[in-house]
Amino acid sequence: METINIHEAKTHLSRLIEKAARGESFIIAKAGKPMVKVIPFDQPSEVAQRRLGFLVGQIVVPDDFDQMGSAEIEELFGA
């Protein structure tokens, strides 16, 4: 991934916006230290790319899951 100095980013902002809009991500750095990652607006972030339901059919959650260990928990809290 390309790293661009903040001064260059300010100078060529329009060109860099077009580049990001085409799907090309890049990093803006200040004094060589990465500061921000620029990605296209419609590109999902890494967090949004999580796969829900990928364990369907591989595990079984018991019907009484929310009650499991309740006696021990009550005993620990003195109920």
PDB file of N, CA and C in Angstrom:
ATOM      1  N   MET A   1       0.845  -1.164   0.000  1.00  0.00           N
ATOM      2  CA  MET A   1       0.000   0.000   0.000  1.00  0.00           C
ATOM      3  C   MET A   1       0.896   1.235   0.000  1.00  0.00           C
ATOM      4  N   GLU A   2       0.561   2.165  -0.830  1.00  0.00           N
ATOM      5  CA  GLU A   2       1.366   3.375  -1.008  1.00  0.00           C
ATOM      6  C   GLU A   2       1.236   4.294   0.203  1.00  0.00           C
ATOM      7  N   THR A   3       2.352   4.893   0.608  1.00  0.00           N
ATOM      8  CA  THR A   3       2.360   5.884   1.682  1.00  0.00           C
ATOM      9  C   THR A   3       2.701   7.235   1.075  1.00  0.00           C
ATOM     10  N   ILE A   4       1.916   8.242   1.410  1.00  0.00           N
ATOM     11  CA  ILE A   4       2.068   9.583   0.838  1.00  0.00           C
ATOM     12  C   ILE A   4       2.304  10.566   1.972  1.00  0.00           C
ATOM     13  N   ASN A   5       3.273  11.451   1.790  1.00  0.00           N
ATOM     14  CA  ASN A   5       3.579  12.492   2.758  1.00  0.00           C
ATOM     15  C   ASN A   5       2.403  13.471   2.836  1.00  0.00           C
ATOM     16  N   ILE A   6       2.150  14.021   4.008  1.00  0.00           N
ATOM     17  CA  ILE A   6       1.018  14.922   4.198  1.00  0.00           C
ATOM     18  C   ILE A   6       1.123  16.167   3.307  1.00  0.00           C
ATOM     19  N   HIS A   7       2.320  16.664   3.080  1.00  0.00           N
ATOM     20  CA  HIS A   7       2.505  17.832   2.207  1.00  0.00           C
ATOM     21  C   HIS A   7       2.085  17.494   0.775  1.00  0.00           C
ATOM     22  N   GLU A   8       2.506  16.337   0.305  1.00  0.00           N
ATOM     23  CA  GLU A   8       2.116  15.900  -1.037  1.00  0.00           C
ATOM     24  C   GLU A   8       0.606  15.682  -1.112  1.00  0.00           C
ATOM     25  N   ALA A   9       0.027  15.148  -0.043  1.00  0.00           N
ATOM     26  CA  ALA A   9      -1.418  14.916  -0.020  1.00  0.00           C
ATOM     27  C   ALA A   9      -2.180  16.230  -0.133  1.00  0.00           C
ATOM     28  N   LYS A  10      -1.702  17.265   0.546  1.00  0.00           N
ATOM     29  CA  LYS A  10      -2.368  18.581   0.453  1.00  0.00           C
ATOM     30  C   LYS A  10      -2.208  19.163  -0.951  1.00  0.00           C
ATOM     31  N   THR A  11      -1.061  18.954  -1.526  1.00  0.00           N
ATOM     32  CA  THR A  11      -0.797  19.503  -2.857  1.00  0.00           C
ATOM     33  C   THR A  11      -1.621  18.815  -3.936  1.00  0.00           C
ATOM     34  N   HIS A  12      -1.820  17.507  -3.809  1.00  0.00           N
ATOM     35  CA  HIS A  12      -2.488  16.716  -4.848  1.00  0.00           C
ATOM     36  C   HIS A  12      -3.803  16.103  -4.347  1.00  0.00           C
ATOM     37  N   LEU A  13      -4.536  16.833  -3.541  1.00  0.00           N
ATOM     38  CA  LEU A  13      -5.740  16.285  -2.920  1.00  0.00           C
ATOM     39  C   LEU A  13      -6.750  15.770  -3.946  1.00  0.00           C
ATOM     40  N   SER A  14      -7.029  16.528  -4.975  1.00  0.00           N
ATOM     41  CA  SER A  14      -8.013  16.099  -5.976  1.00  0.00           C
ATOM     42  C   SER A  14      -7.611  14.789  -6.637  1.00  0.00           C
ATOM     43  N   ARG A  15      -6.354  14.671  -7.015  1.00  0.00           N
ATOM     44  CA  ARG A  15      -5.855  13.452  -7.649  1.00  0.00           C
ATOM     45  C   ARG A  15      -5.971  12.262  -6.693  1.00  0.00           C
ATOM     46  N   LEU A  16      -5.662  12.478  -5.426  1.00  0.00           N
ATOM     47  CA  LEU A  16      -5.724  11.399  -4.444  1.00  0.00           C
ATOM     48  C   LEU A  16      -7.160  10.971  -4.157  1.00  0.00           C
ATOM     49  N   ILE A  17      -8.089  11.935  -4.166  1.00  0.00           N
ATOM     50  CA  ILE A  17      -9.500  11.588  -3.979  1.00  0.00           C
ATOM     51  C   ILE A  17      -9.974  10.702  -5.124  1.00  0.00           C
ATOM     52  N   GLU A  18      -9.603  11.042  -6.333  1.00  0.00           N
ATOM     53  CA  GLU A  18      -9.960  10.214  -7.491  1.00  0.00           C
ATOM     54  C   GLU A  18      -9.361   8.814  -7.373  1.00  0.00           C
ATOM     55  N   LYS A  19      -8.136   8.762  -6.909  1.00  0.00           N
ATOM     56  CA  LYS A  19      -7.456   7.473  -6.735  1.00  0.00           C
ATOM     57  C   LYS A  19      -8.218   6.602  -5.730  1.00  0.00           C
ATOM     58  N   ALA A  20      -8.619   7.181  -4.609  1.00  0.00           N
ATOM     59  CA  ALA A  20      -9.373   6.433  -3.600  1.00  0.00           C
ATOM     60  C   ALA A  20     -10.735   6.013  -4.143  1.00  0.00           C
ATOM     61  N   ALA A  21     -11.368   6.879  -4.906  1.00  0.00           N
ATOM     62  CA  ALA A  21     -12.681   6.565  -5.477  1.00  0.00           C
ATOM     63  C   ALA A  21     -12.597   5.383  -6.442  1.00  0.00           C
ATOM     64  N   ARG A  22     -11.450   5.179  -7.063  1.00  0.00           N
ATOM     65  CA  ARG A  22     -11.243   4.039  -7.964  1.00  0.00           C
ATOM     66  C   ARG A  22     -10.952   2.759  -7.197  1.00  0.00           C
ATOM     67  N   GLY A  23     -10.877   2.848  -5.868  1.00  0.00           N
ATOM     68  CA  GLY A  23     -10.645   1.657  -5.065  1.00  0.00           C
ATOM     69  C   GLY A  23      -9.220   1.464  -4.608  1.00  0.00           C
ATOM     70  N   GLU A  24      -8.364   2.431  -4.871  1.00  0.00           N
ATOM     71  CA  GLU A  24      -6.960   2.319  -4.478  1.00  0.00           C
ATOM     72  C   GLU A  24      -6.755   2.960  -3.108  1.00  0.00           C
ATOM     73  N   SER A  25      -6.558   2.155  -2.095  1.00  0.00           N
ATOM     74  CA  SER A  25      -6.316   2.659  -0.748  1.00  0.00           C
ATOM     75  C   SER A  25      -4.883   3.158  -0.629  1.00  0.00           C
ATOM     76  N   PHE A  26      -4.659   4.109   0.285  1.00  0.00           N
ATOM     77  CA  PHE A  26      -3.310   4.588   0.539  1.00  0.00           C
ATOM     78  C   PHE A  26      -3.235   5.145   1.956  1.00  0.00           C
ATOM     79  N   ILE A  27      -2.015   5.380   2.407  1.00  0.00           N
ATOM     80  CA  ILE A  27      -1.773   5.883   3.757  1.00  0.00           C
ATOM     81  C   ILE A  27      -1.165   7.277   3.648  1.00  0.00           C
ATOM     82  N   ILE A  28      -1.631   8.185   4.503  1.00  0.00           N
ATOM     83  CA  ILE A  28      -1.042   9.517   4.589  1.00  0.00           C
ATOM     84  C   ILE A  28      -0.187   9.542   5.851  1.00  0.00           C
ATOM     85  N   ALA A  29       1.071   9.954   5.685  1.00  0.00           N
ATOM     86  CA  ALA A  29       2.021   9.963   6.795  1.00  0.00           C
ATOM     87  C   ALA A  29       2.522  11.376   7.063  1.00  0.00           C
ATOM     88  N   LYS A  30       2.905  11.612   8.300  1.00  0.00           N
ATOM     89  CA  LYS A  30       3.500  12.896   8.701  1.00  0.00           C
ATOM     90  C   LYS A  30       4.869  12.582   9.270  1.00  0.00           C
ATOM     91  N   ALA A  31       5.895  13.118   8.659  1.00  0.00           N
ATOM     92  CA  ALA A  31       7.289  12.868   9.054  1.00  0.00           C
ATOM     93  C   ALA A  31       7.588  11.369   9.063  1.00  0.00           C
ATOM     94  N   GLY A  32       7.026  10.658   8.081  1.00  0.00           N
ATOM     95  CA  GLY A  32       7.280   9.231   7.948  1.00  0.00           C
ATOM     96  C   GLY A  32       6.432   8.351   8.854  1.00  0.00           C
ATOM     97  N   LYS A  33       5.652   8.952   9.734  1.00  0.00           N
ATOM     98  CA  LYS A  33       4.802   8.182  10.653  1.00  0.00           C
ATOM     99  C   LYS A  33       3.395   8.084  10.064  1.00  0.00           C
ATOM    100  N   PRO A  34       2.892   6.872   9.821  1.00  0.00           N
ATOM    101  CA  PRO A  34       1.540   6.730   9.267  1.00  0.00           C
ATOM    102  C   PRO A  34       0.503   7.377  10.183  1.00  0.00           C
ATOM    103  N   MET A  35      -0.366   8.194   9.585  1.00  0.00           N
ATOM    104  CA  MET A  35      -1.383   8.908  10.366  1.00  0.00           C
ATOM    105  C   MET A  35      -2.799   8.404  10.064  1.00  0.00           C
ATOM    106  N   VAL A  36      -3.132   8.243   8.775  1.00  0.00           N
ATOM    107  CA  VAL A  36      -4.473   7.804   8.389  1.00  0.00           C
ATOM    108  C   VAL A  36      -4.397   6.871   7.185  1.00  0.00           C
ATOM    109  N   LYS A  37      -5.397   6.003   7.096  1.00  0.00           N
ATOM    110  CA  LYS A  37      -5.541   5.128   5.931  1.00  0.00           C
ATOM    111  C   LYS A  37      -6.758   5.634   5.169  1.00  0.00           C
ATOM    112  N   VAL A  38      -6.606   5.908   3.902  1.00  0.00           N
ATOM    113  CA  VAL A  38      -7.697   6.398   3.068  1.00  0.00           C
ATOM    114  C   VAL A  38      -8.205   5.237   2.216  1.00  0.00           C
ATOM    115  N   ILE A  39      -9.515   4.962   2.336  1.00  0.00           N
ATOM    116  CA  ILE A  39     -10.149   3.886   1.572  1.00  0.00           C
ATOM    117  C   ILE A  39     -11.394   4.440   0.908  1.00  0.00           C
ATOM    118  N   PRO A  40     -11.884   3.808  -0.133  1.00  0.00           N
ATOM    119  CA  PRO A  40     -13.112   4.274  -0.776  1.00  0.00           C
ATOM    120  C   PRO A  40     -14.275   4.242   0.219  1.00  0.00           C
ATOM    121  N   PHE A  41     -15.182   5.180   0.097  1.00  0.00           N
ATOM    122  CA  PHE A  41     -16.300   5.305   1.019  1.00  0.00           C
ATOM    123  C   PHE A  41     -17.172   4.062   1.038  1.00  0.00           C
ATOM    124  N   ASP A  42     -17.422   3.457  -0.118  1.00  0.00           N
ATOM    125  CA  ASP A  42     -18.326   2.315  -0.176  1.00  0.00           C
ATOM    126  C   ASP A  42     -17.642   0.983   0.126  1.00  0.00           C
ATOM    127  N   GLN A  43     -16.337   0.989   0.357  1.00  0.00           N
ATOM    128  CA  GLN A  43     -15.624  -0.237   0.679  1.00  0.00           C
ATOM    129  C   GLN A  43     -15.882  -0.577   2.143  1.00  0.00           C
ATOM    130  N   PRO A  44     -16.361  -1.780   2.439  1.00  0.00           N
ATOM    131  CA  PRO A  44     -16.619  -2.136   3.834  1.00  0.00           C
ATOM    132  C   PRO A  44     -15.321  -2.209   4.623  1.00  0.00           C
ATOM    133  N   SER A  45     -15.369  -1.773   5.850  1.00  0.00           N
ATOM    134  CA  SER A  45     -14.184  -1.846   6.692  1.00  0.00           C
ATOM    135  C   SER A  45     -13.934  -3.305   7.073  1.00  0.00           C
ATOM    136  N   GLU A  46     -12.769  -3.562   7.643  1.00  0.00           N
ATOM    137  CA  GLU A  46     -12.426  -4.930   8.025  1.00  0.00           C
ATOM    138  C   GLU A  46     -13.397  -5.469   9.067  1.00  0.00           C
ATOM    139  N   VAL A  47     -13.867  -4.601   9.939  1.00  0.00           N
ATOM    140  CA  VAL A  47     -14.819  -5.040  10.960  1.00  0.00           C
ATOM    141  C   VAL A  47     -16.118  -5.482  10.311  1.00  0.00           C
ATOM    142  N   ALA A  48     -16.566  -4.774   9.290  1.00  0.00           N
ATOM    143  CA  ALA A  48     -17.825  -5.100   8.631  1.00  0.00           C
ATOM    144  C   ALA A  48     -17.737  -6.386   7.816  1.00  0.00           C
ATOM    145  N   GLN A  49     -16.539  -6.873   7.580  1.00  0.00           N
ATOM    146  CA  GLN A  49     -16.372  -8.060   6.759  1.00  0.00           C
ATOM    147  C   GLN A  49     -16.417  -9.361   7.569  1.00  0.00           C
ATOM    148  N   ARG A  50     -16.815  -9.272   8.835  1.00  0.00           N
ATOM    149  CA  ARG A  50     -16.925 -10.485   9.648  1.00  0.00           C
ATOM    150  C   ARG A  50     -17.986 -11.409   9.066  1.00  0.00           C
ATOM    151  N   ARG A  51     -17.753 -12.680   9.178  1.00  0.00           N
ATOM    152  CA  ARG A  51     -18.696 -13.660   8.651  1.00  0.00           C
ATOM    153  C   ARG A  51     -19.609 -14.139   9.762  1.00  0.00           C
ATOM    154  N   LEU A  52     -20.864 -13.774   9.692  1.00  0.00           N
ATOM    155  CA  LEU A  52     -21.838 -14.242  10.660  1.00  0.00           C
ATOM    156  C   LEU A  52     -22.363 -15.595  10.225  1.00  0.00           C
ATOM    157  N   GLY A  53     -22.567 -16.458  11.193  1.00  0.00           N
ATOM    158  CA  GLY A  53     -23.154 -17.755  10.903  1.00  0.00           C
ATOM    159  C   GLY A  53     -22.209 -18.773  10.301  1.00  0.00           C
ATOM    160  N   PHE A  54     -20.915 -18.561  10.370  1.00  0.00           N
ATOM    161  CA  PHE A  54     -19.992 -19.501   9.734  1.00  0.00           C
ATOM    162  C   PHE A  54     -19.888 -20.833  10.471  1.00  0.00           C
ATOM    163  N   LEU A  55     -20.468 -20.935  11.688  1.00  0.00           N
ATOM    164  CA  LEU A  55     -20.458 -22.197  12.422  1.00  0.00           C
ATOM    165  C   LEU A  55     -21.821 -22.886  12.418  1.00  0.00           C
ATOM    166  N   VAL A  56     -22.718 -22.437  11.546  1.00  0.00           N
ATOM    167  CA  VAL A  56     -24.051 -23.043  11.486  1.00  0.00           C
ATOM    168  C   VAL A  56     -23.923 -24.536  11.207  1.00  0.00           C
ATOM    169  N   GLY A  57     -24.604 -25.324  12.049  1.00  0.00           N
ATOM    170  CA  GLY A  57     -24.576 -26.767  11.876  1.00  0.00           C
ATOM    171  C   GLY A  57     -23.383 -27.452  12.510  1.00  0.00           C
ATOM    172  N   GLN A  58     -22.418 -26.682  13.008  1.00  0.00           N
ATOM    173  CA  GLN A  58     -21.226 -27.283  13.591  1.00  0.00           C
ATOM    174  C   GLN A  58     -21.266 -27.304  15.114  1.00  0.00           C
ATOM    175  N   ILE A  59     -22.086 -26.441  15.716  1.00  0.00           N
ATOM    176  CA  ILE A  59     -22.215 -26.417  17.172  1.00  0.00           C
ATOM    177  C   ILE A  59     -23.687 -26.447  17.543  1.00  0.00           C
ATOM    178  N   VAL A  60     -23.948 -26.873  18.766  1.00  0.00           N
ATOM    179  CA  VAL A  60     -25.320 -26.921  19.272  1.00  0.00           C
ATOM    180  C   VAL A  60     -25.350 -26.171  20.602  1.00  0.00           C
ATOM    181  N   VAL A  61     -26.257 -25.208  20.725  1.00  0.00           N
ATOM    182  CA  VAL A  61     -26.427 -24.474  21.974  1.00  0.00           C
ATOM    183  C   VAL A  61     -27.641 -25.066  22.681  1.00  0.00           C
ATOM    184  N   PRO A  62     -27.463 -25.569  23.914  1.00  0.00           N
ATOM    185  CA  PRO A  62     -28.582 -26.181  24.623  1.00  0.00           C
ATOM    186  C   PRO A  62     -29.698 -25.174  24.892  1.00  0.00           C
ATOM    187  N   ASP A  63     -30.934 -25.671  24.973  1.00  0.00           N
ATOM    188  CA  ASP A  63     -32.086 -24.796  25.224  1.00  0.00           C
ATOM    189  C   ASP A  63     -31.977 -24.090  26.565  1.00  0.00           C
ATOM    190  N   ASP A  64     -31.334 -24.730  27.545  1.00  0.00           N
ATOM    191  CA  ASP A  64     -31.224 -24.121  28.875  1.00  0.00           C
ATOM    192  C   ASP A  64     -29.887 -23.392  29.067  1.00  0.00           C
ATOM    193  N   PHE A  65     -29.287 -22.932  27.985  1.00  0.00           N
ATOM    194  CA  PHE A  65     -27.981 -22.276  28.041  1.00  0.00           C
ATOM    195  C   PHE A  65     -27.963 -21.121  29.037  1.00  0.00           C
ATOM    196  N   ASP A  66     -29.029 -20.310  29.048  1.00  0.00           N
ATOM    197  CA  ASP A  66     -29.055 -19.151  29.931  1.00  0.00           C
ATOM    198  C   ASP A  66     -29.281 -19.529  31.398  1.00  0.00           C
ATOM    199  N   GLN A  67     -29.563 -20.778  31.689  1.00  0.00           N
ATOM    200  CA  GLN A  67     -29.761 -21.238  33.063  1.00  0.00           C
ATOM    201  C   GLN A  67     -28.620 -22.133  33.550  1.00  0.00           C
ATOM    202  N   MET A  68     -27.700 -22.480  32.663  1.00  0.00           N
ATOM    203  CA  MET A  68     -26.607 -23.379  33.030  1.00  0.00           C
ATOM    204  C   MET A  68     -25.765 -22.775  34.154  1.00  0.00           C
ATOM    205  N   GLY A  69     -25.537 -23.563  35.186  1.00  0.00           N
ATOM    206  CA  GLY A  69     -24.701 -23.113  36.296  1.00  0.00           C
ATOM    207  C   GLY A  69     -25.393 -22.141  37.233  1.00  0.00           C
ATOM    208  N   SER A  70     -26.700 -21.969  37.105  1.00  0.00           N
ATOM    209  CA  SER A  70     -27.399 -20.975  37.928  1.00  0.00           C
ATOM    210  C   SER A  70     -27.307 -21.304  39.412  1.00  0.00           C
ATOM    211  N   ALA A  71     -27.344 -22.591  39.781  1.00  0.00           N
ATOM    212  CA  ALA A  71     -27.246 -22.969  41.195  1.00  0.00           C
ATOM    213  C   ALA A  71     -25.890 -22.556  41.774  1.00  0.00           C
ATOM    214  N   GLU A  72     -24.838 -22.802  41.017  1.00  0.00           N
ATOM    215  CA  GLU A  72     -23.492 -22.435  41.483  1.00  0.00           C
ATOM    216  C   GLU A  72     -23.339 -20.921  41.577  1.00  0.00           C
ATOM    217  N   ILE A  73     -23.894 -20.203  40.632  1.00  0.00           N
ATOM    218  CA  ILE A  73     -23.811 -18.741  40.641  1.00  0.00           C
ATOM    219  C   ILE A  73     -24.567 -18.180  41.843  1.00  0.00           C
ATOM    220  N   GLU A  74     -25.771 -18.702  42.106  1.00  0.00           N
ATOM    221  CA  GLU A  74     -26.544 -18.253  43.263  1.00  0.00           C
ATOM    222  C   GLU A  74     -25.795 -18.526  44.550  1.00  0.00           C
ATOM    223  N   GLU A  75     -25.131 -19.679  44.618  1.00  0.00           N
ATOM    224  CA  GLU A  75     -24.362 -20.024  45.812  1.00  0.00           C
ATOM    225  C   GLU A  75     -23.201 -19.063  46.009  1.00  0.00           C
ATOM    226  N   LEU A  76     -22.511 -18.701  44.908  1.00  0.00           N
ATOM    227  CA  LEU A  76     -21.380 -17.772  45.002  1.00  0.00           C
ATOM    228  C   LEU A  76     -21.812 -16.397  45.487  1.00  0.00           C
ATOM    229  N   PHE A  77     -23.014 -15.972  45.128  1.00  0.00           N
ATOM    230  CA  PHE A  77     -23.504 -14.650  45.521  1.00  0.00           C
ATOM    231  C   PHE A  77     -24.334 -14.703  46.805  1.00  0.00           C
ATOM    232  N   GLY A  78     -24.417 -15.872  47.408  1.00  0.00           N
ATOM    233  CA  GLY A  78     -25.104 -15.994  48.681  1.00  0.00           C
ATOM    234  C   GLY A  78     -26.600 -15.913  48.618  1.00  0.00           C
ATOM    235  N   ALA A  79     -27.208 -16.285  47.504  1.00  0.00           N
ATOM    236  CA  ALA A  79     -28.667 -16.213  47.380  1.00  0.00           C
ATOM    237  C   ALA A  79     -29.315 -17.460  47.922  1.00  0.00           C
TER     238      ALA A  79
END
